[in-house]
Amino acid sequence: DANDVIQNTFIKVYRNISRFEEKSQLYTWLYRIATNEAITFLKKKKRKSTIALDEEPNRINMLKADAFFDGDRAVLLLKEALERLPEKQRIVFNLRYYDEMAYKDMEEVLGTSVGALKASFHHALKKVQAYLSEQID
């Protein structure tokens, strides 16, 4: 699945490199294409197998049983918290927190205003903090 997204991304870059206008940096243009491909893939996958809310615990149990998971409770709790976020908030959180991407770059990649991105990150952060507080208490 991830390989398909990467392959489709580079095919689109190859076919459209002549249309790159250098109004932004090359990596933000590439990131935008990759993000669009990932979102398209997720939407197709979601249409094929809509996951009901009552199945959410199953996804979390899958995380707990993941062979690559090192057992660190904090990491597991963070993964669980992120799994509960809406898709847009999860993307913004990951770009900002893990990739340390500037809001201006995210604006170009996601096509969303800086203000909306800041609000989305703030809401995601509050939800993650609330979930972690619930689980730790």
Protein backbone atom coordinates (compact mmCIF):
# COMPACT_ATOMS: atom_id res chain seq x y z
CA ASP A 1 0.00 0.00 0.00
CA ALA A 2 2.68 2.50 1.00
CA ASN A 3 4.80 1.44 -1.96
CA ASP A 4 1.87 2.13 -4.30
CA VAL A 5 1.44 5.62 -2.86
CA ILE A 6 5.17 6.33 -3.23
CA GLN A 7 5.21 4.95 -6.77
CA ASN A 8 2.17 7.03 -7.78
CA THR A 9 3.77 10.10 -6.21
CA PHE A 10 6.97 9.77 -8.22
CA ILE A 11 5.08 8.99 -11.42
CA LYS A 12 3.10 12.23 -10.97
CA VAL A 13 6.28 14.17 -10.19
CA TYR A 14 7.98 12.76 -13.30
CA ARG A 15 5.00 13.56 -15.53
CA ASN A 16 4.48 17.06 -14.12
CA ILE A 17 7.98 18.35 -13.31
CA SER A 18 7.75 20.74 -16.25
CA ARG A 19 4.71 22.34 -14.58
CA PHE A 20 6.62 23.11 -11.37
CA GLU A 21 6.59 26.91 -11.23
CA GLU A 22 9.16 27.42 -8.47
CA LYS A 23 6.70 29.58 -6.50
CA SER A 24 7.44 27.22 -3.63
CA GLN A 25 10.30 24.95 -2.70
CA LEU A 26 10.59 21.65 -4.53
CA TYR A 27 10.15 19.63 -1.34
CA THR A 28 6.82 21.34 -0.50
CA TRP A 29 5.57 20.64 -4.03
CA LEU A 30 6.67 17.01 -3.72
CA TYR A 31 5.18 16.78 -0.22
CA ARG A 32 1.88 18.15 -1.53
CA ILE A 33 1.73 15.51 -4.25
CA ALA A 34 2.59 12.76 -1.75
CA THR A 35 -0.03 14.04 0.69
CA ASN A 36 -2.68 14.13 -2.02
CA GLU A 37 -1.78 10.59 -3.09
CA ALA A 38 -1.95 9.35 0.51
CA ILE A 39 -5.32 11.04 1.09
CA THR A 40 -6.68 9.62 -2.17
CA PHE A 41 -5.49 6.16 -1.15
CA LEU A 42 -7.06 6.46 2.30
CA LYS A 43 -10.37 7.67 0.87
CA LYS A 44 -10.49 4.72 -1.55
CA LYS A 45 -9.62 2.33 1.25
CA LYS A 46 -12.23 3.92 3.51
CA ARG A 47 -14.91 3.50 0.85
CA LYS A 48 -14.02 -0.17 0.46
CA SER A 49 -14.11 -0.93 4.16
CA THR A 50 -15.88 1.62 6.30
CA ILE A 51 -14.86 1.13 9.89
CA ALA A 52 -17.66 1.54 12.42
CA LEU A 53 -17.02 3.29 15.72
CA ASP A 54 -17.61 0.06 17.63
CA GLU A 55 -14.64 -1.46 15.78
CA GLU A 56 -12.24 1.18 17.12
CA PRO A 57 -11.20 -0.99 20.11
CA ASN A 58 -10.18 -3.70 17.63
CA ARG A 59 -7.80 -1.29 15.90
CA ILE A 60 -6.30 -0.36 19.26
CA ASN A 61 -5.92 -4.02 20.19
CA MET A 62 -4.10 -4.50 16.89
CA LEU A 63 -1.67 -1.76 17.95
CA LYS A 64 -1.07 -3.53 21.26
CA ALA A 65 -0.39 -6.82 19.46
CA ASP A 66 1.90 -5.23 16.84
CA ALA A 67 5.13 -7.25 16.65
CA PHE A 68 7.13 -4.06 15.98
CA PHE A 69 5.72 -2.30 19.03
CA ASP A 70 8.38 -2.12 21.73
CA GLY A 71 5.94 -2.21 24.63
CA ASP A 72 6.60 1.31 25.86
CA ARG A 73 3.29 2.38 27.40
CA ALA A 74 3.76 6.07 26.58
CA VAL A 75 4.26 5.32 22.90
CA LEU A 76 1.21 3.06 22.87
CA LEU A 77 -0.94 5.70 24.56
CA LEU A 78 0.18 8.33 22.06
CA LYS A 79 -0.59 5.99 19.14
CA GLU A 80 -4.03 5.32 20.63
CA ALA A 81 -4.67 9.05 21.08
CA LEU A 82 -3.65 9.79 17.48
CA GLU A 83 -5.83 6.95 16.19
CA ARG A 84 -8.85 8.69 17.71
CA LEU A 85 -8.20 12.05 15.99
CA PRO A 86 -10.10 13.06 12.85
CA GLU A 87 -8.02 12.51 9.70
CA LYS A 88 -7.23 16.20 9.07
CA GLN A 89 -6.15 16.80 12.68
CA ARG A 90 -4.01 13.66 12.63
CA ILE A 91 -2.23 14.81 9.45
CA VAL A 92 -1.60 18.30 10.83
CA PHE A 93 -0.42 16.87 14.16
CA ASN A 94 2.00 14.49 12.45
CA LEU A 95 3.41 17.15 10.13
CA ARG A 96 3.90 19.63 12.96
CA TYR A 97 4.93 17.35 15.81
CA TYR A 98 6.89 14.58 14.11
CA ASP A 99 8.09 16.27 10.91
CA GLU A 100 8.50 19.69 12.60
CA MET A 101 7.10 21.30 9.46
CA ALA A 102 6.51 25.05 9.56
CA TYR A 103 2.90 26.20 9.26
CA LYS A 104 3.79 28.15 6.10
CA ASP A 105 5.06 24.95 4.46
CA MET A 106 2.00 23.03 5.64
CA GLU A 107 -0.16 25.75 4.08
CA GLU A 108 1.42 25.00 0.70
CA VAL A 109 1.29 21.23 1.15
CA LEU A 110 -2.27 20.96 2.43
CA GLY A 111 -3.82 24.02 0.77
CA THR A 112 -5.17 25.24 4.12
CA SER A 113 -4.62 28.63 5.73
CA VAL A 114 -2.04 29.02 8.48
CA GLY A 115 -4.77 30.07 10.92
CA ALA A 116 -6.84 26.96 10.23
CA LEU A 117 -3.73 24.78 10.56
CA LYS A 118 -2.85 26.34 13.91
CA ALA A 119 -6.41 25.80 15.13
CA SER A 120 -6.39 22.21 13.89
CA PHE A 121 -3.08 21.50 15.63
CA HIS A 122 -4.33 23.17 18.83
CA HIS A 123 -7.51 21.05 18.85
CA ALA A 124 -5.54 17.89 18.11
CA LEU A 125 -3.08 18.67 20.89
CA LYS A 126 -5.91 19.27 23.38
CA LYS A 127 -7.56 15.97 22.41
CA VAL A 128 -4.28 14.08 22.75
CA GLN A 129 -3.60 15.69 26.13
CA ALA A 130 -7.12 14.89 27.35
CA TYR A 131 -6.83 11.27 26.25
CA LEU A 132 -3.43 10.86 27.88
CA SER A 133 -4.71 12.44 31.11
CA GLU A 134 -7.66 10.02 31.17
CA GLN A 135 -5.41 7.02 30.63
CA ILE A 136 -2.77 8.01 33.17
CA ASP A 137 -5.22 8.78 36.00
